[in-house]
């Protein structure tokens, strides 16, 4: 009887190791897909920022050329935010290092303008706790450096 018990334990241990390896492979695959999607998104944002016709299609139709130029800059800021988001999701930035990067971004007028324009949208599209944690850090840094009259509660 002790042999069956040892064999059962060994089989259970092997099964547990197999399950852990499958879960790790799944997690790695999801990260790889997220990074690939980010790569495609970055290329798309670059195209929008450099192509006035695309900017006009994605920006409000009744705006003038100067706001199209402003939108091009906001798209560039979006590229930075998306890169930070992907790095945070992949584990390449922890909360402390994300906060350093977010502070640097929000110390620039363009970073603050981007967050003022699109921060609420990013918060509404957050799909999970990672997105919500990311948005919270950016919102906190925005609040910390934005002039008091531009921050809404």
Protein backbone atom coordinates (compact mmCIF):
# COMPACT_ATOMS: atom_id res chain seq x y z
CA UNK A 1 0.00 0.00 0.00
CA UNK A 2 2.80 2.55 0.70
CA UNK A 3 3.97 2.15 -2.95
CA UNK A 4 0.57 3.22 -4.28
CA UNK A 5 0.58 6.23 -1.99
CA UNK A 6 4.07 7.28 -3.13
CA UNK A 7 3.07 6.75 -6.75
CA UNK A 8 -0.11 8.79 -6.27
CA UNK A 9 1.86 11.61 -4.70
CA UNK A 10 4.39 11.52 -7.54
CA UNK A 11 1.61 11.63 -10.15
CA UNK A 12 -0.07 14.52 -8.35
CA UNK A 13 3.23 16.39 -8.11
CA UNK A 14 3.90 15.88 -11.81
CA UNK A 15 0.38 17.01 -12.66
CA UNK A 16 0.80 20.12 -10.52
CA UNK A 17 4.12 20.94 -12.22
CA UNK A 18 2.44 20.47 -15.61
CA UNK A 19 -0.43 22.79 -14.69
CA UNK A 20 2.00 25.45 -13.46
CA UNK A 21 3.99 25.20 -16.69
CA UNK A 22 0.82 25.52 -18.77
CA UNK A 23 -0.26 28.58 -16.78
CA UNK A 24 3.19 30.16 -17.15
CA UNK A 25 3.15 29.48 -20.90
CA UNK A 26 -0.32 31.04 -21.14
CA UNK A 27 0.85 34.12 -19.23
CA UNK A 28 3.96 34.45 -21.40
CA UNK A 29 1.85 34.09 -24.56
CA UNK A 30 -0.59 36.79 -23.39
CA UNK A 31 2.29 39.16 -22.63
CA UNK A 32 3.79 38.47 -26.04
CA UNK A 33 0.43 39.15 -27.72
CA UNK A 34 -0.01 42.37 -25.72
CA UNK A 35 3.44 43.58 -26.73
CA UNK A 36 2.77 42.71 -30.38
CA UNK A 37 -0.55 44.57 -30.27
CA UNK A 38 1.27 47.54 -28.74
CA UNK A 39 3.81 47.43 -31.55
CA UNK A 40 1.00 47.55 -34.14
CA UNK A 41 -0.75 50.33 -32.19
CA UNK A 42 2.46 52.37 -32.06
CA UNK A 43 2.82 52.07 -35.85
CA UNK A 44 -0.80 53.15 -36.30
CA UNK A 45 -0.36 56.16 -34.02
CA UNK A 46 2.79 57.13 -35.89
CA UNK A 47 0.85 57.01 -39.15
CA UNK A 48 -1.95 59.16 -37.73
CA UNK A 49 0.50 61.70 -36.32
CA UNK A 50 2.32 62.07 -39.64
CA UNK A 51 -0.63 61.89 -42.06
CA UNK A 52 -2.90 64.93 -42.06
CA UNK A 53 -5.68 63.11 -43.87
CA UNK A 54 -5.80 60.40 -41.20
CA UNK A 55 -5.68 63.01 -38.43
CA UNK A 56 -8.64 64.77 -40.01
CA UNK A 57 -10.53 61.47 -40.13
CA UNK A 58 -9.91 60.74 -36.45
CA UNK A 59 -10.13 64.26 -35.05
CA UNK A 60 -13.31 66.34 -34.92
CA UNK A 61 -14.40 67.12 -38.50
CA UNK A 62 -15.12 70.80 -37.84
CA UNK A 63 -11.65 71.68 -36.55
CA UNK A 64 -9.08 73.81 -38.28
CA UNK A 65 -5.52 72.94 -39.28
CA UNK A 66 -4.04 74.32 -36.07
CA UNK A 67 -6.09 71.92 -34.00
CA UNK A 68 -5.05 69.13 -36.35
CA UNK A 69 -1.47 70.00 -35.44
CA UNK A 70 -2.41 69.99 -31.75
CA UNK A 71 -4.02 66.59 -32.25
CA UNK A 72 -0.81 65.30 -33.88
CA UNK A 73 1.04 66.26 -30.71
CA UNK A 74 -1.60 64.57 -28.55
CA UNK A 75 -1.20 61.42 -30.65
CA UNK A 76 2.53 61.55 -29.95
CA UNK A 77 1.78 61.85 -26.23
CA UNK A 78 -0.56 58.88 -26.60
CA UNK A 79 2.34 56.90 -28.05
CA UNK A 80 4.33 57.57 -24.87
CA UNK A 81 1.40 56.67 -22.61
CA UNK A 82 0.74 53.46 -24.55
CA UNK A 83 4.40 52.48 -24.32
CA UNK A 84 4.40 53.06 -20.56
CA UNK A 85 1.18 51.05 -20.26
CA UNK A 86 2.64 48.13 -22.21
CA UNK A 87 5.83 48.16 -20.16
CA UNK A 88 3.82 48.23 -16.93
CA UNK A 89 1.58 45.37 -18.09
CA UNK A 90 4.60 43.29 -19.14
CA UNK A 91 6.26 43.83 -15.77
CA UNK A 92 9.09 45.97 -17.17
CA UNK A 93 8.00 48.83 -14.89
CA UNK A 94 6.83 48.43 -11.32
CA UNK A 95 4.62 51.05 -9.65
CA UNK A 96 7.60 53.03 -8.37
CA UNK A 97 9.33 53.25 -11.75
CA UNK A 98 6.00 53.92 -13.47
CA UNK A 99 5.43 56.80 -11.06
CA UNK A 100 8.85 58.27 -11.99
CA UNK A 101 7.98 58.05 -15.70
CA UNK A 102 4.45 59.43 -15.16
CA UNK A 103 5.82 62.35 -13.16
CA UNK A 104 8.27 63.16 -15.95
CA UNK A 105 5.43 63.00 -18.50
CA UNK A 106 3.06 65.16 -16.45
CA UNK A 107 5.75 67.78 -15.83
CA UNK A 108 5.44 68.55 -19.55
CA UNK A 109 2.56 70.60 -20.87
CA UNK A 110 1.92 68.04 -23.63
CA UNK A 111 1.56 65.21 -21.09
CA UNK A 112 -0.91 67.24 -19.06
CA UNK A 113 -2.83 68.30 -22.18
CA UNK A 114 -3.08 64.65 -23.24
CA UNK A 115 -4.34 63.53 -19.84
CA UNK A 116 -6.81 66.41 -19.59
CA UNK A 117 -8.22 65.49 -23.01
CA UNK A 118 -8.13 61.67 -22.87
CA UNK A 119 -7.62 60.60 -19.23
CA UNK A 120 -11.33 60.00 -18.66
CA UNK A 121 -11.51 57.95 -21.84
CA UNK A 122 -8.55 55.81 -20.76
CA UNK A 123 -10.23 55.26 -17.40
CA UNK A 124 -13.52 54.24 -19.04
CA UNK A 125 -11.76 51.75 -21.33
CA UNK A 126 -9.69 50.12 -18.56
CA UNK A 127 -10.24 46.38 -18.81
CA UNK A 128 -8.71 45.11 -15.58
CA UNK A 129 -6.88 45.97 -12.37
CA UNK A 130 -3.59 46.50 -14.23
CA UNK A 131 -5.15 49.20 -16.44
CA UNK A 132 -6.88 50.77 -13.43
CA UNK A 133 -3.62 50.81 -11.43
CA UNK A 134 -1.79 52.35 -14.39
CA UNK A 135 -4.46 55.03 -14.83
CA UNK A 136 -4.43 55.79 -11.10
CA UNK A 137 -0.69 56.47 -11.17
CA UNK A 138 -1.02 58.78 -14.19
CA UNK A 139 -4.02 60.56 -12.69
CA UNK A 140 -2.19 61.04 -9.38
CA UNK A 141 0.84 62.53 -11.12
CA UNK A 142 -1.38 64.74 -13.27
CA UNK A 143 -3.13 66.03 -10.16
CA UNK A 144 0.20 66.60 -8.42
CA UNK A 145 1.62 68.86 -11.13
CA UNK A 146 -1.35 70.36 -12.99
CA UNK A 147 -2.41 73.89 -12.10
CA UNK A 148 -5.27 73.77 -9.58
CA UNK A 149 -7.78 75.34 -11.98
CA UNK A 150 -7.30 72.55 -14.57
CA UNK A 151 -7.85 69.60 -12.22
CA UNK A 152 -11.44 68.46 -11.89
CA UNK A 153 -12.52 66.37 -8.93
